[in-house]
Amino acid sequence: MSRRWLTVGGVVILTIVLVVYAAVIVVGSFSLIRSGTPVGVGLGVGFAVLPLLVVAMVAREWRLALDTHVMADILAAEDGLAVDDLPRTPGGRVDRAAAREAFDAVRAQAEAEPDDWRSWYRLAFAYDAAGDRSRARASLRTAARIRRGGPPPADD
């Protein structure tokens, strides 16, 4: 079995465990709610809501992962994936100064073509190489939304 499928299998198993755990917590929270005491009801509602929020956040991440995979497959078929040829440190990390230099060209392309999901996808990985993970994820979400037919980002 390939390493990729072992990783996917592990993530699926952990997701199932999380959902089962959340279901047990939610079911248990109803006992607190049925107690009728203000503290019991308050704790029960809290215990019911938090696992549901966690499951919703995990579902959102799964959707992004699947969208990212589909976009990568499309770009690979079009021979449009960016080549990772940035210099590396002796430890194997991307040289941040070189990544920031390369980032400017990718950002300019995304700004010139704000409704092209491909440019946002490439921008996400440029952000990641430059060390800005939060903007990388936001750019991936933008790329996925545009590819699904959603609006491009509003001008700030």
N, C-alpha and C. Protein backbone atom coordinates (compact mmCIF):
# COMPACT_ATOMS: atom_id res chain seq x y z
N MET A 1 0.85 -1.17 0.00
CA MET A 1 0.00 0.00 0.00
C MET A 1 0.90 1.24 0.00
N SER A 2 0.53 2.24 -0.78
CA SER A 2 1.37 3.43 -0.89
C SER A 2 1.26 4.30 0.36
N ARG A 3 2.27 5.12 0.54
CA ARG A 3 2.30 6.02 1.69
C ARG A 3 1.11 6.98 1.67
N ARG A 4 0.74 7.41 0.47
CA ARG A 4 -0.39 8.34 0.34
C ARG A 4 -1.67 7.74 0.88
N TRP A 5 -1.94 6.48 0.52
CA TRP A 5 -3.18 5.84 0.96
C TRP A 5 -3.15 5.54 2.45
N LEU A 6 -1.96 5.26 3.00
CA LEU A 6 -1.85 5.09 4.44
C LEU A 6 -2.19 6.39 5.16
N THR A 7 -1.71 7.51 4.62
CA THR A 7 -2.00 8.81 5.21
C THR A 7 -3.49 9.11 5.13
N VAL A 8 -4.07 8.92 3.97
CA VAL A 8 -5.51 9.17 3.80
C VAL A 8 -6.32 8.26 4.72
N GLY A 9 -5.93 7.00 4.81
CA GLY A 9 -6.63 6.07 5.70
C GLY A 9 -6.55 6.52 7.15
N GLY A 10 -5.38 6.97 7.56
CA GLY A 10 -5.22 7.46 8.93
C GLY A 10 -6.10 8.67 9.21
N VAL A 11 -6.16 9.58 8.25
CA VAL A 11 -6.98 10.78 8.43
C VAL A 11 -8.46 10.40 8.47
N VAL A 12 -8.87 9.48 7.65
CA VAL A 12 -10.27 9.03 7.65
C VAL A 12 -10.61 8.39 8.99
N ILE A 13 -9.72 7.54 9.48
CA ILE A 13 -9.97 6.87 10.77
C ILE A 13 -10.06 7.90 11.88
N LEU A 14 -9.14 8.86 11.92
CA LEU A 14 -9.20 9.89 12.95
C LEU A 14 -10.46 10.73 12.85
N THR A 15 -10.91 11.00 11.63
CA THR A 15 -12.15 11.76 11.45
C THR A 15 -13.35 10.97 11.97
N ILE A 16 -13.38 9.69 11.69
CA ILE A 16 -14.48 8.85 12.19
C ILE A 16 -14.47 8.81 13.72
N VAL A 17 -13.28 8.67 14.30
CA VAL A 17 -13.18 8.67 15.77
C VAL A 17 -13.69 10.00 16.33
N LEU A 18 -13.32 11.10 15.70
CA LEU A 18 -13.78 12.42 16.15
C LEU A 18 -15.30 12.53 16.08
N VAL A 19 -15.89 12.06 15.00
CA VAL A 19 -17.34 12.14 14.84
C VAL A 19 -18.04 11.27 15.89
N VAL A 20 -17.52 10.07 16.14
CA VAL A 20 -18.11 9.20 17.16
C VAL A 20 -17.99 9.85 18.53
N TYR A 21 -16.82 10.41 18.84
CA TYR A 21 -16.61 11.10 20.11
C TYR A 21 -17.59 12.27 20.26
N ALA A 22 -17.73 13.05 19.19
CA ALA A 22 -18.66 14.19 19.24
C ALA A 22 -20.09 13.70 19.45
N ALA A 23 -20.47 12.61 18.81
CA ALA A 23 -21.83 12.08 18.98
C ALA A 23 -22.05 11.63 20.42
N VAL A 24 -21.07 10.98 21.02
CA VAL A 24 -21.20 10.54 22.41
C VAL A 24 -21.36 11.75 23.33
N ILE A 25 -20.57 12.79 23.09
CA ILE A 25 -20.66 14.00 23.92
C ILE A 25 -22.03 14.66 23.76
N VAL A 26 -22.52 14.75 22.53
CA VAL A 26 -23.82 15.39 22.29
C VAL A 26 -24.93 14.58 22.96
N VAL A 27 -24.89 13.27 22.82
CA VAL A 27 -25.92 12.43 23.45
C VAL A 27 -25.86 12.59 24.97
N GLY A 28 -24.65 12.60 25.52
CA GLY A 28 -24.50 12.79 26.96
C GLY A 28 -24.97 14.16 27.42
N SER A 29 -24.83 15.15 26.56
CA SER A 29 -25.25 16.50 26.94
C SER A 29 -26.76 16.59 27.14
N PHE A 30 -27.51 15.73 26.46
CA PHE A 30 -28.96 15.76 26.63
C PHE A 30 -29.37 15.32 28.04
N SER A 31 -28.56 14.48 28.68
CA SER A 31 -28.84 14.11 30.07
C SER A 31 -28.73 15.34 30.97
N LEU A 32 -27.72 16.15 30.72
CA LEU A 32 -27.57 17.38 31.49
C LEU A 32 -28.73 18.34 31.24
N ILE A 33 -29.14 18.45 30.00
CA ILE A 33 -30.25 19.35 29.66
C ILE A 33 -31.54 18.87 30.34
N ARG A 34 -31.77 17.56 30.34
CA ARG A 34 -32.99 17.00 30.95
C ARG A 34 -32.99 17.13 32.47
N SER A 35 -31.82 17.42 33.06
CA SER A 35 -31.78 17.56 34.52
C SER A 35 -32.65 18.72 34.99
N GLY A 36 -32.80 19.73 34.13
CA GLY A 36 -33.67 20.84 34.45
C GLY A 36 -33.03 21.92 35.31
N THR A 37 -31.88 21.67 35.86
CA THR A 37 -31.22 22.70 36.67
C THR A 37 -30.54 23.71 35.74
N PRO A 38 -30.48 24.95 36.15
CA PRO A 38 -29.85 25.95 35.28
C PRO A 38 -28.41 25.60 34.92
N VAL A 39 -27.65 25.12 35.88
CA VAL A 39 -26.26 24.74 35.59
C VAL A 39 -26.22 23.56 34.64
N GLY A 40 -27.06 22.56 34.88
CA GLY A 40 -27.11 21.38 34.01
C GLY A 40 -27.50 21.73 32.59
N VAL A 41 -28.51 22.59 32.46
CA VAL A 41 -28.96 23.00 31.13
C VAL A 41 -27.86 23.79 30.42
N GLY A 42 -27.24 24.71 31.16
CA GLY A 42 -26.17 25.51 30.56
C GLY A 42 -25.00 24.65 30.10
N LEU A 43 -24.56 23.72 30.96
CA LEU A 43 -23.47 22.81 30.57
C LEU A 43 -23.90 21.90 29.42
N GLY A 44 -25.13 21.42 29.48
CA GLY A 44 -25.62 20.54 28.42
C GLY A 44 -25.63 21.22 27.07
N VAL A 45 -26.10 22.45 27.04
CA VAL A 45 -26.12 23.21 25.78
C VAL A 45 -24.69 23.43 25.29
N GLY A 46 -23.81 23.81 26.21
CA GLY A 46 -22.41 24.01 25.82
C GLY A 46 -21.77 22.74 25.28
N PHE A 47 -22.01 21.63 25.98
CA PHE A 47 -21.46 20.35 25.53
C PHE A 47 -22.08 19.89 24.22
N ALA A 48 -23.29 20.32 23.92
CA ALA A 48 -23.93 19.94 22.66
C ALA A 48 -23.42 20.78 21.50
N VAL A 49 -23.18 22.05 21.76
CA VAL A 49 -22.80 22.96 20.67
C VAL A 49 -21.34 22.81 20.26
N LEU A 50 -20.45 22.71 21.22
CA LEU A 50 -19.02 22.69 20.89
C LEU A 50 -18.62 21.52 19.97
N PRO A 51 -19.03 20.28 20.24
CA PRO A 51 -18.66 19.20 19.32
C PRO A 51 -19.23 19.41 17.92
N LEU A 52 -20.42 19.99 17.84
CA LEU A 52 -21.00 20.24 16.52
C LEU A 52 -20.17 21.27 15.75
N LEU A 53 -19.68 22.29 16.45
CA LEU A 53 -18.80 23.27 15.81
C LEU A 53 -17.50 22.61 15.33
N VAL A 54 -16.96 21.73 16.13
CA VAL A 54 -15.72 21.04 15.75
C VAL A 54 -15.96 20.18 14.51
N VAL A 55 -17.04 19.46 14.49
CA VAL A 55 -17.36 18.62 13.32
C VAL A 55 -17.55 19.50 12.08
N ALA A 56 -18.20 20.64 12.23
CA ALA A 56 -18.38 21.55 11.10
C ALA A 56 -17.02 22.06 10.59
N MET A 57 -16.12 22.38 11.51
CA MET A 57 -14.80 22.86 11.10
C MET A 57 -14.01 21.76 10.39
N VAL A 58 -14.11 20.53 10.88
CA VAL A 58 -13.42 19.41 10.23
C VAL A 58 -14.01 19.19 8.83
N ALA A 59 -15.33 19.28 8.71
CA ALA A 59 -15.96 19.12 7.40
C ALA A 59 -15.48 20.21 6.43
N ARG A 60 -15.32 21.41 6.93
CA ARG A 60 -14.82 22.51 6.09
C ARG A 60 -13.40 22.21 5.61
N GLU A 61 -12.57 21.68 6.48
CA GLU A 61 -11.19 21.34 6.10
C GLU A 61 -11.16 20.19 5.10
N TRP A 62 -12.04 19.20 5.28
CA TRP A 62 -12.13 18.11 4.32
C TRP A 62 -12.53 18.64 2.94
N ARG A 63 -13.48 19.56 2.92
CA ARG A 63 -13.91 20.13 1.64
C ARG A 63 -12.75 20.86 0.97
N LEU A 64 -11.99 21.63 1.73
CA LEU A 64 -10.84 22.33 1.17
C LEU A 64 -9.81 21.33 0.66
N ALA A 65 -9.57 20.26 1.41
CA ALA A 65 -8.59 19.26 0.97
C ALA A 65 -9.02 18.61 -0.34
N LEU A 66 -10.30 18.27 -0.44
CA LEU A 66 -10.80 17.65 -1.68
C LEU A 66 -10.75 18.64 -2.84
N ASP A 67 -11.14 19.89 -2.61
CA ASP A 67 -11.07 20.91 -3.65
C ASP A 67 -9.63 21.12 -4.10
N THR A 68 -8.70 21.16 -3.15
CA THR A 68 -7.29 21.35 -3.48
C THR A 68 -6.78 20.20 -4.33
N HIS A 69 -7.18 19.00 -3.99
CA HIS A 69 -6.78 17.82 -4.76
C HIS A 69 -7.31 17.89 -6.19
N VAL A 70 -8.57 18.28 -6.34
CA VAL A 70 -9.16 18.39 -7.68
C VAL A 70 -8.45 19.47 -8.49
N MET A 71 -8.19 20.62 -7.86
CA MET A 71 -7.50 21.70 -8.57
C MET A 71 -6.09 21.28 -8.98
N ALA A 72 -5.39 20.55 -8.11
CA ALA A 72 -4.05 20.08 -8.45
C ALA A 72 -4.09 19.11 -9.62
N ASP A 73 -5.09 18.24 -9.63
CA ASP A 73 -5.23 17.30 -10.75
C ASP A 73 -5.50 18.03 -12.06
N ILE A 74 -6.35 19.04 -12.01
CA ILE A 74 -6.65 19.82 -13.22
C ILE A 74 -5.38 20.51 -13.72
N LEU A 75 -4.67 21.17 -12.82
CA LEU A 75 -3.44 21.87 -13.22
C LEU A 75 -2.38 20.90 -13.71
N ALA A 76 -2.29 19.73 -13.09
CA ALA A 76 -1.31 18.74 -13.55
C ALA A 76 -1.64 18.27 -14.96
N ALA A 77 -2.93 18.07 -15.25
CA ALA A 77 -3.34 17.65 -16.59
C ALA A 77 -3.05 18.74 -17.62
N GLU A 78 -3.14 20.00 -17.18
CA GLU A 78 -2.85 21.13 -18.08
C GLU A 78 -1.37 21.49 -18.10
N ASP A 79 -0.56 20.76 -17.34
CA ASP A 79 0.86 21.07 -17.17
C ASP A 79 1.03 22.49 -16.63
N GLY A 80 0.16 22.84 -15.67
CA GLY A 80 0.16 24.19 -15.14
C GLY A 80 0.57 24.30 -13.68
N LEU A 81 1.06 23.21 -13.10
CA LEU A 81 1.52 23.29 -11.71
C LEU A 81 2.84 24.05 -11.66
N ALA A 82 2.97 24.88 -10.64
CA ALA A 82 4.21 25.63 -10.47
C ALA A 82 5.34 24.67 -10.09
N VAL A 83 6.51 24.94 -10.62
CA VAL A 83 7.68 24.12 -10.33
C VAL A 83 8.34 24.68 -9.07
N ASP A 84 8.60 23.80 -8.12
CA ASP A 84 9.26 24.22 -6.87
C ASP A 84 10.77 24.15 -7.08
N ASP A 85 11.33 25.24 -7.55
CA ASP A 85 12.77 25.28 -7.79
C ASP A 85 13.46 26.33 -6.91
N LEU A 86 12.82 26.66 -5.81
CA LEU A 86 13.39 27.64 -4.89
C LEU A 86 14.59 27.04 -4.17
N PRO A 87 15.60 27.87 -3.91
CA PRO A 87 16.76 27.34 -3.18
C PRO A 87 16.37 26.94 -1.76
N ARG A 88 17.11 25.98 -1.24
CA ARG A 88 16.82 25.44 0.08
C ARG A 88 18.01 25.67 1.02
N THR A 89 17.68 25.71 2.30
CA THR A 89 18.72 25.79 3.31
C THR A 89 19.33 24.39 3.46
N PRO A 90 20.47 24.27 4.14
CA PRO A 90 21.04 22.93 4.34
C PRO A 90 20.08 21.97 5.05
N GLY A 91 19.17 22.50 5.84
CA GLY A 91 18.17 21.67 6.51
C GLY A 91 17.00 21.27 5.63
N GLY A 92 16.94 21.78 4.40
CA GLY A 92 15.87 21.42 3.46
C GLY A 92 14.71 22.39 3.41
N ARG A 93 14.75 23.44 4.22
CA ARG A 93 13.66 24.42 4.20
C ARG A 93 13.87 25.40 3.05
N VAL A 94 12.76 25.96 2.58
CA VAL A 94 12.82 26.95 1.50
C VAL A 94 13.50 28.21 2.03
N ASP A 95 14.40 28.76 1.22
CA ASP A 95 15.04 30.03 1.57
C ASP A 95 13.97 31.11 1.49
N ARG A 96 13.65 31.70 2.64
CA ARG A 96 12.55 32.66 2.74
C ARG A 96 12.78 33.90 1.87
N ALA A 97 14.01 34.38 1.77
CA ALA A 97 14.29 35.56 0.95
C ALA A 97 13.99 35.28 -0.51
N ALA A 98 14.40 34.12 -1.00
CA ALA A 98 14.13 33.75 -2.39
C ALA A 98 12.63 33.55 -2.61
N ALA A 99 11.96 32.98 -1.62
CA ALA A 99 10.51 32.76 -1.73
C ALA A 99 9.77 34.09 -1.81
N ARG A 100 10.21 35.08 -1.03
CA ARG A 100 9.56 36.39 -1.08
C ARG A 100 9.76 37.06 -2.42
N GLU A 101 10.95 36.88 -3.01
CA GLU A 101 11.21 37.46 -4.34
C GLU A 101 10.30 36.83 -5.38
N ALA A 102 10.20 35.51 -5.36
CA ALA A 102 9.35 34.80 -6.33
C ALA A 102 7.88 35.11 -6.09
N PHE A 103 7.53 35.41 -4.85
CA PHE A 103 6.15 35.68 -4.47
C PHE A 103 5.57 36.88 -5.22
N ASP A 104 6.37 37.92 -5.41
CA ASP A 104 5.86 39.15 -6.03
C ASP A 104 5.29 38.90 -7.43
N ALA A 105 5.96 38.06 -8.22
CA ALA A 105 5.46 37.78 -9.57
C ALA A 105 4.14 37.02 -9.52
N VAL A 106 4.03 36.09 -8.60
CA VAL A 106 2.80 35.29 -8.49
C VAL A 106 1.66 36.17 -7.99
N ARG A 107 1.95 37.05 -7.03
CA ARG A 107 0.92 37.96 -6.51
C ARG A 107 0.44 38.90 -7.61
N ALA A 108 1.36 39.41 -8.43
CA ALA A 108 0.99 40.30 -9.53
C ALA A 108 0.05 39.60 -10.51
N GLN A 109 0.31 38.32 -10.77
CA GLN A 109 -0.56 37.56 -11.67
C GLN A 109 -1.95 37.40 -11.06
N ALA A 110 -2.03 37.11 -9.77
CA ALA A 110 -3.34 36.96 -9.11
C ALA A 110 -4.09 38.29 -9.09
N GLU A 111 -3.38 39.39 -8.90
CA GLU A 111 -4.04 40.69 -8.91
C GLU A 111 -4.51 41.06 -10.31
N ALA A 112 -3.76 40.63 -11.34
CA ALA A 112 -4.14 40.93 -12.71
C ALA A 112 -5.32 40.07 -13.18
N GLU A 113 -5.44 38.88 -12.60
CA GLU A 113 -6.51 37.95 -12.99
C GLU A 113 -7.27 37.48 -11.75
N PRO A 114 -8.01 38.38 -11.10
CA PRO A 114 -8.65 38.01 -9.83
C PRO A 114 -9.75 36.97 -9.95
N ASP A 115 -10.27 36.73 -11.15
CA ASP A 115 -11.33 35.74 -11.31
C ASP A 115 -10.82 34.41 -11.85
N ASP A 116 -9.49 34.21 -11.87
CA ASP A 116 -8.89 32.96 -12.34
C ASP A 116 -8.45 32.14 -11.13
N TRP A 117 -9.09 31.02 -10.89
CA TRP A 117 -8.76 30.21 -9.72
C TRP A 117 -7.34 29.68 -9.80
N ARG A 118 -6.82 29.49 -11.01
CA ARG A 118 -5.45 28.97 -11.16
C ARG A 118 -4.42 29.93 -10.54
N SER A 119 -4.62 31.22 -10.76
CA SER A 119 -3.67 32.18 -10.20
C SER A 119 -3.77 32.22 -8.68
N TRP A 120 -4.98 32.05 -8.13
CA TRP A 120 -5.13 32.03 -6.68
C TRP A 120 -4.52 30.76 -6.09
N TYR A 121 -4.63 29.65 -6.80
CA TYR A 121 -4.02 28.39 -6.36
C TYR A 121 -2.50 28.56 -6.28
N ARG A 122 -1.92 29.12 -7.33
CA ARG A 122 -0.47 29.34 -7.33
C ARG A 122 -0.06 30.32 -6.24
N LEU A 123 -0.90 31.35 -6.02
CA LEU A 123 -0.62 32.33 -4.97
C LEU A 123 -0.61 31.66 -3.60
N ALA A 124 -1.49 30.72 -3.39
CA ALA A 124 -1.53 30.01 -2.10
C ALA A 124 -0.21 29.33 -1.81
N PHE A 125 0.36 28.69 -2.81
CA PHE A 125 1.63 27.99 -2.58
C PHE A 125 2.81 28.95 -2.52
N ALA A 126 2.67 30.10 -3.14
CA ALA A 126 3.70 31.13 -2.98
C ALA A 126 3.67 31.69 -1.57
N TYR A 127 2.46 31.92 -1.04
CA TYR A 127 2.33 32.35 0.36
C TYR A 127 2.94 31.30 1.29
N ASP A 128 2.65 30.04 1.03
CA ASP A 128 3.16 28.97 1.88
C ASP A 128 4.69 28.94 1.86
N ALA A 129 5.27 29.06 0.68
CA ALA A 129 6.73 29.06 0.59
C ALA A 129 7.33 30.26 1.30
N ALA A 130 6.61 31.38 1.30
CA ALA A 130 7.09 32.59 1.97
C ALA A 130 6.84 32.55 3.47
N GLY A 131 6.14 31.51 3.95
CA GLY A 131 5.94 31.34 5.37
C GLY A 131 4.65 31.90 5.93
N ASP A 132 3.73 32.31 5.07
CA ASP A 132 2.47 32.89 5.55
C ASP A 132 1.35 31.86 5.34
N ARG A 133 1.20 30.97 6.29
CA ARG A 133 0.25 29.86 6.16
C ARG A 133 -1.20 30.33 6.19
N SER A 134 -1.52 31.34 6.97
CA SER A 134 -2.92 31.77 7.06
C SER A 134 -3.37 32.36 5.72
N ARG A 135 -2.53 33.15 5.09
CA ARG A 135 -2.90 33.70 3.78
C ARG A 135 -2.88 32.62 2.70
N ALA A 136 -2.03 31.62 2.88
CA ALA A 136 -2.01 30.50 1.93
C ALA A 136 -3.35 29.78 1.95
N ARG A 137 -3.87 29.49 3.14
CA ARG A 137 -5.16 28.81 3.24
C ARG A 137 -6.29 29.68 2.72
N ALA A 138 -6.23 30.98 3.00
CA ALA A 138 -7.25 31.89 2.49
C ALA A 138 -7.23 31.92 0.97
N SER A 139 -6.05 31.91 0.38
CA SER A 139 -5.95 31.91 -1.08
C SER A 139 -6.46 30.61 -1.67
N LEU A 140 -6.19 29.48 -1.00
CA LEU A 140 -6.73 28.20 -1.47
C LEU A 140 -8.26 28.21 -1.40
N ARG A 141 -8.80 28.77 -0.33
CA ARG A 141 -10.26 28.85 -0.21
C ARG A 141 -10.84 29.74 -1.31
N THR A 142 -10.15 30.83 -1.63
CA THR A 142 -10.60 31.71 -2.71
C THR A 142 -10.56 30.97 -4.04
N ALA A 143 -9.47 30.25 -4.30
CA ALA A 143 -9.36 29.48 -5.54
C ALA A 143 -10.49 28.46 -5.65
N ALA A 144 -10.76 27.76 -4.56
CA ALA A 144 -11.82 26.75 -4.58
C ALA A 144 -13.19 27.39 -4.82
N ARG A 145 -13.44 28.52 -4.16
CA ARG A 145 -14.73 29.20 -4.33
C ARG A 145 -14.91 29.66 -5.78
N ILE A 146 -13.86 30.22 -6.38
CA ILE A 146 -13.95 30.68 -7.77
C ILE A 146 -14.16 29.50 -8.70
N ARG A 147 -13.44 28.38 -8.45
CA ARG A 147 -13.58 27.21 -9.32
C ARG A 147 -14.98 26.64 -9.26
N ARG A 148 -15.62 26.74 -8.10
CA ARG A 148 -17.00 26.24 -7.96
C ARG A 148 -18.02 27.22 -8.50
N GLY A 149 -17.57 28.38 -9.00
CA GLY A 149 -18.49 29.35 -9.59
C GLY A 149 -18.83 30.50 -8.70
N GLY A 150 -18.13 30.62 -7.58
CA GLY A 150 -18.38 31.72 -6.66
C GLY A 150 -17.72 33.00 -7.14
N PRO A 151 -17.97 34.09 -6.45
CA PRO A 151 -17.41 35.38 -6.88
C PRO A 151 -15.94 35.48 -6.51
N PRO A 152 -15.18 36.25 -7.31
CA PRO A 152 -13.80 36.54 -6.92
C PRO A 152 -13.81 37.45 -5.68
N PRO A 153 -12.67 37.61 -5.04
CA PRO A 153 -12.65 38.46 -3.85
C PRO A 153 -12.97 39.89 -4.16
N ALA A 154 -13.61 40.57 -3.22
CA ALA A 154 -13.94 41.98 -3.40
C ALA A 154 -12.69 42.81 -3.24
N ASP A 155 -12.61 43.91 -3.97
CA ASP A 155 -11.48 44.81 -3.84
C ASP A 155 -11.55 45.50 -2.49
N ASP A 156 -10.40 45.57 -1.82
CA ASP A 156 -10.36 46.23 -0.52
C ASP A 156 -9.96 47.68 -0.67
